[in-house]
Amino acid sequence: MNKKILIIISVLVLASTLFTTTVYGDGDIDLPPIPIHPSTTDAVTDSVTESLLPSTDNEFEAEEVSFPDGDVTESTSKTAAPQTTSKPVKKPARVKLKKLVRGRKKITVKWKKVKGAKGYQIQYTLKKGFKGKKKSIYVKNKTLKRTVKKLKAKRKYYVRVRAYKLSNGKKIYGKWSKVRAIKTK
């Protein structure tokens, strides 16, 4: 019965040199140069050397090679991983405010749906230019109106809304709607 030989080829690209390590079934390790198989050494090493050109990733792929006398060899070669290309995400369109409804210490904001939006940000403040203190509320894409409560009575509030999409867990915002003003009761 022939002994099975396990050969692991590890690639270290250091000054364009290829190192080969051989591991036998009983755990002994021999360092290069060791021929893989006397009858097929040139053919195997040429094909392995061509497939082991340096690349930028660290993924390895194993393949099994059989010899005529029954020896089985496992070789590991470095291969390029499939590249994923992601398209840049287009910003959502500008939100159009439909209506602002005033109430006692509250306001209701209504807007039109934006195609492809994952949610909306509503921002409100007491200052016209949105400078200084302002508050924001985030709502999901199916929500097209929101009541803002706990406001001051008989005060003028400025409101604007924008849509956002998600790309790799980050929010990509569209442009703000036109600023609308409303006075609470």
N, C-alpha and C. Protein backbone atom coordinates (compact mmCIF):
# COMPACT_ATOMS: atom_id res chain seq x y z
N MET A 1 0.84 -1.18 0.00
CA MET A 1 0.00 0.00 0.00
C MET A 1 0.89 1.24 0.00
N ASN A 2 0.59 2.16 -0.91
CA ASN A 2 1.37 3.38 -1.01
C ASN A 2 0.98 4.34 0.10
N LYS A 3 1.97 5.09 0.55
CA LYS A 3 1.73 6.08 1.59
C LYS A 3 1.12 7.33 0.94
N LYS A 4 0.07 7.89 1.58
CA LYS A 4 -0.51 9.13 1.05
C LYS A 4 0.33 10.30 1.53
N ILE A 5 0.61 11.18 0.61
CA ILE A 5 1.45 12.33 0.92
C ILE A 5 0.58 13.58 0.86
N LEU A 6 0.67 14.37 1.88
CA LEU A 6 -0.08 15.61 1.94
C LEU A 6 0.90 16.76 1.77
N ILE A 7 0.70 17.53 0.72
CA ILE A 7 1.61 18.64 0.45
C ILE A 7 0.82 19.93 0.54
N ILE A 8 1.27 20.80 1.35
CA ILE A 8 0.64 22.11 1.46
C ILE A 8 1.64 23.13 0.94
N ILE A 9 1.21 23.85 -0.06
CA ILE A 9 2.08 24.86 -0.64
C ILE A 9 1.61 26.21 -0.12
N SER A 10 2.44 26.84 0.62
CA SER A 10 2.08 28.17 1.11
C SER A 10 2.91 29.21 0.37
N VAL A 11 2.26 30.29 0.08
CA VAL A 11 2.89 31.30 -0.74
C VAL A 11 3.33 32.48 0.12
N LEU A 12 4.57 32.80 0.05
CA LEU A 12 5.09 34.01 0.69
C LEU A 12 5.79 34.81 -0.39
N VAL A 13 5.26 35.95 -0.68
CA VAL A 13 5.87 36.77 -1.70
C VAL A 13 6.79 37.76 -0.99
N LEU A 14 8.06 37.41 -0.99
CA LEU A 14 9.06 38.26 -0.36
C LEU A 14 10.23 38.32 -1.33
N ALA A 15 10.39 39.45 -1.94
CA ALA A 15 11.44 39.65 -2.94
C ALA A 15 11.26 38.67 -4.09
N SER A 16 9.98 38.47 -4.49
CA SER A 16 9.61 37.62 -5.63
C SER A 16 10.12 36.19 -5.50
N THR A 17 10.09 35.61 -4.30
CA THR A 17 10.54 34.24 -4.09
C THR A 17 9.37 33.38 -3.67
N LEU A 18 9.29 32.18 -4.18
CA LEU A 18 8.23 31.23 -3.84
C LEU A 18 8.82 30.15 -2.95
N PHE A 19 8.28 29.99 -1.74
CA PHE A 19 8.73 28.96 -0.81
C PHE A 19 7.68 27.86 -0.78
N THR A 20 8.16 26.60 -0.72
CA THR A 20 7.26 25.46 -0.68
C THR A 20 7.55 24.66 0.59
N THR A 21 6.50 24.27 1.31
CA THR A 21 6.65 23.48 2.52
C THR A 21 5.91 22.16 2.30
N THR A 22 6.52 21.05 2.67
CA THR A 22 5.90 19.75 2.50
C THR A 22 5.61 19.16 3.87
N VAL A 23 4.38 18.67 4.06
CA VAL A 23 3.99 18.04 5.32
C VAL A 23 3.56 16.61 4.99
N TYR A 24 4.19 15.61 5.64
CA TYR A 24 3.85 14.22 5.39
C TYR A 24 2.77 13.78 6.35
N GLY A 25 2.14 12.64 6.04
CA GLY A 25 1.03 12.12 6.82
C GLY A 25 1.35 11.91 8.29
N ASP A 26 2.64 11.61 8.63
CA ASP A 26 2.98 11.36 10.03
C ASP A 26 3.33 12.65 10.77
N GLY A 27 3.21 13.82 10.15
CA GLY A 27 3.43 15.09 10.82
C GLY A 27 4.81 15.68 10.64
N ASP A 28 5.75 14.94 9.98
CA ASP A 28 7.09 15.48 9.75
C ASP A 28 7.03 16.58 8.70
N ILE A 29 7.84 17.61 8.87
CA ILE A 29 7.86 18.73 7.93
C ILE A 29 9.24 18.79 7.31
N ASP A 30 9.29 18.86 5.99
CA ASP A 30 10.55 19.05 5.26
C ASP A 30 10.48 20.37 4.53
N LEU A 31 11.56 21.12 4.54
CA LEU A 31 11.62 22.39 3.85
C LEU A 31 12.15 22.19 2.44
N PRO A 32 11.95 23.12 1.54
CA PRO A 32 12.35 22.97 0.15
C PRO A 32 13.85 22.78 0.02
N PRO A 33 14.36 22.24 -1.02
CA PRO A 33 13.68 21.74 -2.22
C PRO A 33 13.36 20.25 -2.10
N ILE A 34 12.10 19.89 -2.29
CA ILE A 34 11.65 18.49 -2.28
C ILE A 34 10.76 18.29 -3.49
N PRO A 35 11.07 17.33 -4.36
CA PRO A 35 10.20 17.10 -5.51
C PRO A 35 8.86 16.52 -5.06
N ILE A 36 7.80 16.89 -5.77
CA ILE A 36 6.47 16.42 -5.43
C ILE A 36 6.31 14.96 -5.81
N HIS A 37 6.64 14.60 -7.06
CA HIS A 37 6.58 13.22 -7.52
C HIS A 37 7.59 13.10 -8.65
N PRO A 38 8.41 12.09 -8.65
CA PRO A 38 9.49 12.02 -9.65
C PRO A 38 9.02 12.09 -11.09
N SER A 39 7.91 11.46 -11.43
CA SER A 39 7.50 11.40 -12.84
C SER A 39 6.76 12.66 -13.28
N THR A 40 6.18 13.42 -12.36
CA THR A 40 5.37 14.57 -12.75
C THR A 40 5.83 15.87 -12.11
N THR A 41 7.06 15.93 -11.62
CA THR A 41 7.54 17.10 -10.91
C THR A 41 7.48 18.36 -11.77
N ASP A 42 8.02 18.27 -12.99
CA ASP A 42 8.08 19.46 -13.83
C ASP A 42 6.69 19.95 -14.21
N ALA A 43 5.78 19.06 -14.59
CA ALA A 43 4.44 19.45 -15.03
C ALA A 43 3.65 20.07 -13.88
N VAL A 44 3.74 19.47 -12.69
CA VAL A 44 2.98 19.97 -11.54
C VAL A 44 3.52 21.30 -11.07
N THR A 45 4.86 21.41 -10.92
CA THR A 45 5.42 22.66 -10.40
C THR A 45 5.22 23.80 -11.38
N ASP A 46 5.27 23.54 -12.69
CA ASP A 46 5.03 24.61 -13.67
C ASP A 46 3.60 25.13 -13.56
N SER A 47 2.62 24.21 -13.48
CA SER A 47 1.23 24.66 -13.41
C SER A 47 0.94 25.35 -12.08
N VAL A 48 1.55 24.85 -10.99
CA VAL A 48 1.33 25.48 -9.68
C VAL A 48 1.98 26.86 -9.66
N THR A 49 3.19 26.98 -10.19
CA THR A 49 3.89 28.25 -10.19
C THR A 49 3.12 29.31 -10.96
N GLU A 50 2.54 28.95 -12.11
CA GLU A 50 1.77 29.91 -12.89
C GLU A 50 0.52 30.37 -12.15
N SER A 51 -0.10 29.48 -11.36
CA SER A 51 -1.32 29.86 -10.65
C SER A 51 -1.04 30.60 -9.35
N LEU A 52 0.23 30.68 -8.95
CA LEU A 52 0.57 31.32 -7.68
C LEU A 52 1.17 32.71 -7.85
N LEU A 53 0.75 33.42 -8.86
CA LEU A 53 1.23 34.78 -9.03
C LEU A 53 0.69 35.65 -7.92
N PRO A 54 1.44 36.67 -7.48
CA PRO A 54 0.98 37.49 -6.35
C PRO A 54 -0.30 38.24 -6.66
N SER A 55 -1.18 38.31 -5.69
CA SER A 55 -2.40 39.10 -5.80
C SER A 55 -2.57 39.88 -4.52
N THR A 56 -3.61 40.72 -4.45
CA THR A 56 -3.77 41.64 -3.32
C THR A 56 -4.58 41.06 -2.17
N ASP A 57 -5.24 39.92 -2.36
CA ASP A 57 -6.06 39.37 -1.28
C ASP A 57 -5.40 38.15 -0.65
N ASN A 58 -6.00 37.60 0.38
CA ASN A 58 -5.42 36.48 1.11
C ASN A 58 -6.31 35.26 1.10
N GLU A 59 -7.05 35.01 0.02
CA GLU A 59 -7.91 33.84 -0.04
C GLU A 59 -7.16 32.69 -0.72
N PHE A 60 -7.39 31.46 -0.25
CA PHE A 60 -6.75 30.30 -0.80
C PHE A 60 -7.79 29.29 -1.24
N GLU A 61 -7.43 28.53 -2.26
CA GLU A 61 -8.34 27.52 -2.80
C GLU A 61 -7.57 26.21 -2.88
N ALA A 62 -8.15 25.12 -2.38
CA ALA A 62 -7.47 23.83 -2.40
C ALA A 62 -7.93 23.01 -3.59
N GLU A 63 -7.00 22.26 -4.19
CA GLU A 63 -7.37 21.36 -5.28
C GLU A 63 -6.61 20.05 -5.11
N GLU A 64 -7.21 18.95 -5.53
CA GLU A 64 -6.63 17.63 -5.33
C GLU A 64 -6.03 17.14 -6.64
N VAL A 65 -4.80 16.58 -6.57
CA VAL A 65 -4.10 16.08 -7.75
C VAL A 65 -3.81 14.60 -7.53
N SER A 66 -4.13 13.74 -8.50
CA SER A 66 -3.86 12.29 -8.39
C SER A 66 -2.71 11.92 -9.31
N PHE A 67 -1.84 11.03 -8.83
CA PHE A 67 -0.73 10.54 -9.62
C PHE A 67 -1.05 9.13 -10.11
N PRO A 68 -0.34 8.64 -11.17
CA PRO A 68 -0.62 7.32 -11.73
C PRO A 68 -0.49 6.17 -10.73
N ASP A 69 0.43 6.27 -9.76
CA ASP A 69 0.63 5.16 -8.83
C ASP A 69 -0.30 5.24 -7.61
N GLY A 70 -1.27 6.15 -7.60
CA GLY A 70 -2.27 6.20 -6.53
C GLY A 70 -2.00 7.21 -5.43
N ASP A 71 -0.86 7.89 -5.47
CA ASP A 71 -0.60 8.91 -4.45
C ASP A 71 -1.56 10.08 -4.66
N VAL A 72 -2.05 10.63 -3.58
CA VAL A 72 -2.97 11.77 -3.66
C VAL A 72 -2.28 12.96 -3.02
N THR A 73 -2.32 14.06 -3.71
CA THR A 73 -1.68 15.28 -3.22
C THR A 73 -2.70 16.39 -3.15
N GLU A 74 -2.64 17.17 -2.09
CA GLU A 74 -3.52 18.33 -1.97
C GLU A 74 -2.65 19.56 -2.06
N SER A 75 -2.94 20.42 -3.01
CA SER A 75 -2.15 21.64 -3.13
C SER A 75 -3.05 22.84 -2.90
N THR A 76 -2.50 23.85 -2.30
CA THR A 76 -3.25 25.06 -2.01
C THR A 76 -2.66 26.17 -2.84
N SER A 77 -3.52 26.87 -3.56
CA SER A 77 -3.02 27.94 -4.39
C SER A 77 -3.77 29.23 -4.08
N LYS A 78 -3.09 30.33 -4.26
CA LYS A 78 -3.68 31.64 -4.00
C LYS A 78 -4.48 32.06 -5.23
N THR A 79 -5.74 32.43 -5.02
CA THR A 79 -6.57 32.88 -6.14
C THR A 79 -7.19 34.21 -5.81
N ALA A 80 -7.58 34.92 -6.84
CA ALA A 80 -8.22 36.22 -6.65
C ALA A 80 -9.67 36.03 -6.24
N ALA A 81 -10.12 36.81 -5.27
CA ALA A 81 -11.52 36.76 -4.82
C ALA A 81 -12.38 37.57 -5.77
N PRO A 82 -13.65 37.18 -5.93
CA PRO A 82 -14.53 37.97 -6.80
C PRO A 82 -14.73 39.37 -6.22
N GLN A 83 -14.66 40.35 -7.08
CA GLN A 83 -14.81 41.73 -6.63
C GLN A 83 -16.26 42.14 -6.74
N THR A 84 -16.73 42.83 -5.70
CA THR A 84 -18.09 43.34 -5.73
C THR A 84 -18.04 44.83 -6.01
N THR A 85 -18.82 45.23 -6.97
CA THR A 85 -18.87 46.64 -7.29
C THR A 85 -20.21 47.18 -6.85
N SER A 86 -20.17 48.28 -6.14
CA SER A 86 -21.42 48.87 -5.69
C SER A 86 -21.62 50.20 -6.40
N LYS A 87 -22.83 50.38 -6.86
CA LYS A 87 -23.16 51.62 -7.55
C LYS A 87 -23.38 52.71 -6.53
N PRO A 88 -23.01 53.94 -6.84
CA PRO A 88 -23.28 55.01 -5.90
C PRO A 88 -24.79 55.21 -5.77
N VAL A 89 -25.24 55.41 -4.53
CA VAL A 89 -26.66 55.56 -4.27
C VAL A 89 -27.07 56.99 -4.59
N LYS A 90 -28.13 57.10 -5.37
CA LYS A 90 -28.63 58.41 -5.75
C LYS A 90 -29.40 59.01 -4.57
N LYS A 91 -29.22 60.30 -4.34
CA LYS A 91 -29.92 60.97 -3.25
C LYS A 91 -31.41 61.00 -3.52
N PRO A 92 -32.22 60.93 -2.45
CA PRO A 92 -33.67 61.02 -2.65
C PRO A 92 -34.09 62.42 -3.10
N ALA A 93 -35.24 62.48 -3.71
CA ALA A 93 -35.77 63.76 -4.20
C ALA A 93 -36.16 64.66 -3.03
N ARG A 94 -36.38 65.92 -3.33
CA ARG A 94 -36.80 66.88 -2.32
C ARG A 94 -38.24 66.60 -1.89
N VAL A 95 -38.48 66.70 -0.60
CA VAL A 95 -39.81 66.47 -0.03
C VAL A 95 -40.65 67.73 -0.22
N LYS A 96 -41.94 67.55 -0.54
CA LYS A 96 -42.87 68.67 -0.66
C LYS A 96 -43.83 68.63 0.52
N LEU A 97 -43.86 69.71 1.28
CA LEU A 97 -44.79 69.81 2.40
C LEU A 97 -46.19 70.03 1.87
N LYS A 98 -47.15 69.24 2.34
CA LYS A 98 -48.54 69.41 1.94
C LYS A 98 -49.23 70.43 2.82
N LYS A 99 -49.09 70.24 4.12
CA LYS A 99 -49.90 71.03 5.03
C LYS A 99 -49.29 71.04 6.43
N LEU A 100 -49.45 72.15 7.12
CA LEU A 100 -49.13 72.26 8.54
C LEU A 100 -50.42 72.60 9.27
N VAL A 101 -50.77 71.84 10.28
CA VAL A 101 -52.00 72.07 11.04
C VAL A 101 -51.60 72.45 12.46
N ARG A 102 -52.13 73.58 12.93
CA ARG A 102 -51.77 74.03 14.27
C ARG A 102 -52.76 73.51 15.30
N GLY A 103 -52.28 73.34 16.49
CA GLY A 103 -53.10 72.88 17.60
C GLY A 103 -52.61 73.55 18.88
N ARG A 104 -53.20 73.16 19.99
CA ARG A 104 -52.79 73.73 21.27
C ARG A 104 -51.49 73.06 21.70
N LYS A 105 -50.42 73.82 21.68
CA LYS A 105 -49.06 73.38 22.03
C LYS A 105 -48.60 72.20 21.16
N LYS A 106 -49.10 72.13 19.93
CA LYS A 106 -48.66 71.08 19.01
C LYS A 106 -48.90 71.52 17.58
N ILE A 107 -48.20 70.88 16.66
CA ILE A 107 -48.41 71.09 15.22
C ILE A 107 -48.37 69.73 14.53
N THR A 108 -49.13 69.60 13.45
CA THR A 108 -49.12 68.39 12.64
C THR A 108 -48.52 68.73 11.28
N VAL A 109 -47.52 67.95 10.90
CA VAL A 109 -46.81 68.17 9.63
C VAL A 109 -47.21 67.05 8.67
N LYS A 110 -47.61 67.42 7.44
CA LYS A 110 -47.97 66.44 6.40
C LYS A 110 -47.12 66.72 5.17
N TRP A 111 -46.68 65.65 4.50
CA TRP A 111 -45.85 65.79 3.31
C TRP A 111 -46.18 64.70 2.31
N LYS A 112 -45.67 64.89 1.06
CA LYS A 112 -45.89 63.91 -0.01
C LYS A 112 -44.79 62.86 0.05
N LYS A 113 -45.15 61.66 -0.36
CA LYS A 113 -44.22 60.53 -0.34
C LYS A 113 -43.13 60.73 -1.39
N VAL A 114 -41.89 60.34 -1.03
CA VAL A 114 -40.76 60.38 -1.96
C VAL A 114 -40.43 58.95 -2.34
N LYS A 115 -40.36 58.67 -3.63
CA LYS A 115 -40.09 57.32 -4.14
C LYS A 115 -38.68 56.87 -3.73
N GLY A 116 -38.60 55.68 -3.16
CA GLY A 116 -37.31 55.10 -2.79
C GLY A 116 -36.78 55.53 -1.44
N ALA A 117 -37.48 56.39 -0.73
CA ALA A 117 -37.01 56.86 0.58
C ALA A 117 -37.22 55.77 1.63
N LYS A 118 -36.27 55.64 2.54
CA LYS A 118 -36.39 54.69 3.65
C LYS A 118 -36.94 55.35 4.90
N GLY A 119 -36.98 56.67 4.91
CA GLY A 119 -37.50 57.40 6.05
C GLY A 119 -37.41 58.89 5.83
N TYR A 120 -37.87 59.64 6.84
CA TYR A 120 -37.89 61.10 6.75
C TYR A 120 -37.37 61.71 8.05
N GLN A 121 -36.78 62.88 7.92
CA GLN A 121 -36.33 63.65 9.08
C GLN A 121 -37.14 64.95 9.10
N ILE A 122 -37.81 65.20 10.22
CA ILE A 122 -38.56 66.45 10.40
C ILE A 122 -37.75 67.30 11.37
N GLN A 123 -37.52 68.53 11.00
CA GLN A 123 -36.75 69.43 11.85
C GLN A 123 -37.57 70.68 12.11
N TYR A 124 -37.57 71.16 13.36
CA TYR A 124 -38.33 72.36 13.71
C TYR A 124 -37.55 73.20 14.71
N THR A 125 -37.82 74.52 14.68
CA THR A 125 -37.12 75.46 15.54
C THR A 125 -37.96 76.73 15.70
N LEU A 126 -37.53 77.59 16.58
CA LEU A 126 -38.19 78.90 16.78
C LEU A 126 -37.52 79.99 15.94
N LYS A 127 -36.37 79.71 15.36
CA LYS A 127 -35.63 80.71 14.57
C LYS A 127 -35.76 80.42 13.09
N LYS A 128 -36.00 81.45 12.32
CA LYS A 128 -36.27 81.32 10.89
C LYS A 128 -35.15 80.64 10.11
N GLY A 129 -33.91 80.97 10.38
CA GLY A 129 -32.77 80.43 9.61
C GLY A 129 -32.26 79.10 10.13
N PHE A 130 -32.94 78.47 11.08
CA PHE A 130 -32.54 77.20 11.68
C PHE A 130 -31.16 77.29 12.32
N LYS A 131 -30.83 78.48 12.84
CA LYS A 131 -29.57 78.65 13.56
C LYS A 131 -29.87 78.51 15.04
N GLY A 132 -28.96 77.95 15.77
CA GLY A 132 -29.18 77.77 17.20
C GLY A 132 -29.91 76.47 17.49
N LYS A 133 -30.75 76.50 18.51
CA LYS A 133 -31.42 75.29 18.97
C LYS A 133 -32.51 74.84 18.00
N LYS A 134 -32.40 73.58 17.60
CA LYS A 134 -33.41 72.96 16.72
C LYS A 134 -33.56 71.51 17.13
N LYS A 135 -34.72 70.95 16.84
CA LYS A 135 -34.99 69.56 17.19
C LYS A 135 -35.36 68.78 15.93
N SER A 136 -35.04 67.47 15.96
CA SER A 136 -35.33 66.60 14.82
C SER A 136 -36.10 65.37 15.27
N ILE A 137 -36.94 64.89 14.37
CA ILE A 137 -37.69 63.65 14.58
C ILE A 137 -37.49 62.79 13.34
N TYR A 138 -37.18 61.51 13.53
CA TYR A 138 -37.04 60.57 12.42
C TYR A 138 -38.25 59.66 12.38
N VAL A 139 -38.81 59.46 11.18
CA VAL A 139 -39.95 58.57 10.99
C VAL A 139 -39.66 57.61 9.84
N LYS A 140 -40.38 56.49 9.81
CA LYS A 140 -40.19 55.49 8.76
C LYS A 140 -40.84 55.95 7.45
N ASN A 141 -40.55 55.23 6.37
CA ASN A 141 -41.00 55.65 5.04
C ASN A 141 -42.51 55.58 4.83
N LYS A 142 -43.23 54.79 5.62
CA LYS A 142 -44.68 54.70 5.43
C LYS A 142 -45.42 55.83 6.14
N THR A 143 -44.73 56.56 6.99
CA THR A 143 -45.35 57.66 7.72
C THR A 143 -45.30 58.92 6.86
N LEU A 144 -46.46 59.52 6.63
CA LEU A 144 -46.52 60.74 5.81
C LEU A 144 -47.08 61.92 6.60
N LYS A 145 -47.29 61.75 7.91
CA LYS A 145 -47.67 62.87 8.76
C LYS A 145 -47.19 62.58 10.17
N ARG A 146 -46.90 63.65 10.89
CA ARG A 146 -46.40 63.49 12.25
C ARG A 146 -46.86 64.68 13.08
N THR A 147 -47.33 64.41 14.30
CA THR A 147 -47.73 65.46 15.21
C THR A 147 -46.58 65.70 16.19
N VAL A 148 -46.14 66.95 16.24
CA VAL A 148 -45.07 67.34 17.15
C VAL A 148 -45.74 67.96 18.38
N LYS A 149 -45.50 67.37 19.54
CA LYS A 149 -46.16 67.79 20.78
C LYS A 149 -45.16 68.46 21.72
N LYS A 150 -45.69 68.95 22.85
CA LYS A 150 -44.91 69.58 23.91
C LYS A 150 -44.21 70.84 23.41
N LEU A 151 -44.91 71.63 22.62
CA LEU A 151 -44.38 72.90 22.13
C LEU A 151 -44.89 74.03 23.02
N LYS A 152 -44.33 75.21 22.82
CA LYS A 152 -44.79 76.39 23.57
C LYS A 152 -46.03 76.96 22.89
N ALA A 153 -46.98 77.45 23.71
CA ALA A 153 -48.22 78.02 23.17
C ALA A 153 -47.96 79.40 22.58
N LYS A 154 -48.71 79.71 21.50
CA LYS A 154 -48.69 81.01 20.84
C LYS A 154 -47.28 81.44 20.40
N ARG A 155 -46.53 80.47 19.89
CA ARG A 155 -45.19 80.75 19.37
C ARG A 155 -45.12 80.32 17.91
N LYS A 156 -44.31 81.01 17.14
CA LYS A 156 -44.15 80.71 15.72
C LYS A 156 -43.00 79.70 15.56
N TYR A 157 -43.32 78.57 14.92
CA TYR A 157 -42.33 77.53 14.67
C TYR A 157 -42.07 77.42 13.17
N TYR A 158 -40.82 77.12 12.84
CA TYR A 158 -40.40 76.91 11.45
C TYR A 158 -40.12 75.42 11.28
N VAL A 159 -40.64 74.85 10.19
CA VAL A 159 -40.58 73.41 9.98
C VAL A 159 -40.03 73.11 8.58
N ARG A 160 -39.24 72.06 8.49
CA ARG A 160 -38.76 71.54 7.20
C ARG A 160 -38.60 70.03 7.31
N VAL A 161 -38.64 69.34 6.16
CA VAL A 161 -38.58 67.87 6.12
C VAL A 161 -37.63 67.47 4.99
N ARG A 162 -36.94 66.36 5.18
CA ARG A 162 -36.13 65.78 4.10
C ARG A 162 -36.19 64.27 4.17
N ALA A 163 -35.98 63.62 3.04
CA ALA A 163 -36.01 62.16 2.94
C ALA A 163 -34.59 61.63 3.03
N TYR A 164 -34.47 60.35 3.38
CA TYR A 164 -33.16 59.70 3.36
C TYR A 164 -33.28 58.27 2.86
N LYS A 165 -32.14 57.78 2.33
CA LYS A 165 -31.99 56.38 1.92
C LYS A 165 -30.85 55.79 2.74
N LEU A 166 -30.76 54.48 2.77
CA LEU A 166 -29.66 53.81 3.47
C LEU A 166 -28.71 53.19 2.47
N SER A 167 -27.41 53.37 2.71
CA SER A 167 -26.37 52.76 1.90
C SER A 167 -25.27 52.28 2.83
N ASN A 168 -25.10 50.98 2.94
CA ASN A 168 -24.13 50.38 3.84
C ASN A 168 -24.30 50.85 5.28
N GLY A 169 -25.54 50.99 5.69
CA GLY A 169 -25.84 51.40 7.06
C GLY A 169 -25.77 52.89 7.32
N LYS A 170 -25.40 53.67 6.31
CA LYS A 170 -25.31 55.12 6.47
C LYS A 170 -26.50 55.78 5.78
N LYS A 171 -26.95 56.88 6.37
CA LYS A 171 -28.08 57.62 5.79
C LYS A 171 -27.57 58.60 4.75
N ILE A 172 -28.22 58.58 3.59
CA ILE A 172 -27.92 59.54 2.53
C ILE A 172 -29.15 60.42 2.40
N TYR A 173 -28.98 61.70 2.67
CA TYR A 173 -30.11 62.62 2.74
C TYR A 173 -30.36 63.34 1.42
N GLY A 174 -31.63 63.63 1.17
CA GLY A 174 -32.02 64.48 0.05
C GLY A 174 -32.03 65.93 0.51
N LYS A 175 -32.48 66.82 -0.35
CA LYS A 175 -32.53 68.24 0.00
C LYS A 175 -33.71 68.50 0.94
N TRP A 176 -33.57 69.55 1.74
CA TRP A 176 -34.65 69.95 2.64
C TRP A 176 -35.82 70.50 1.84
N SER A 177 -37.03 70.33 2.38
CA SER A 177 -38.21 70.94 1.78
C SER A 177 -38.13 72.45 2.02
N LYS A 178 -39.04 73.18 1.41
CA LYS A 178 -39.09 74.61 1.68
C LYS A 178 -39.53 74.79 3.13
N VAL A 179 -38.99 75.81 3.77
CA VAL A 179 -39.32 76.08 5.18
C VAL A 179 -40.71 76.71 5.25
N ARG A 180 -41.53 76.14 6.14
CA ARG A 180 -42.89 76.68 6.36
C ARG A 180 -42.99 77.09 7.82
N ALA A 181 -43.76 78.15 8.09
CA ALA A 181 -43.95 78.65 9.44
C ALA A 181 -45.39 78.43 9.88
N ILE A 182 -45.57 78.19 11.18
CA ILE A 182 -46.90 78.01 11.74
C ILE A 182 -46.86 78.44 13.20
N LYS A 183 -47.95 79.03 13.65
CA LYS A 183 -48.04 79.51 15.03
C LYS A 183 -48.95 78.58 15.83
N THR A 184 -48.49 78.12 16.97
CA THR A 184 -49.29 77.23 17.81
C THR A 184 -50.41 78.02 18.51
N LYS A 185 -51.45 77.32 18.94
CA LYS A 185 -52.59 77.95 19.65
C LYS A 185 -52.25 78.12 21.12
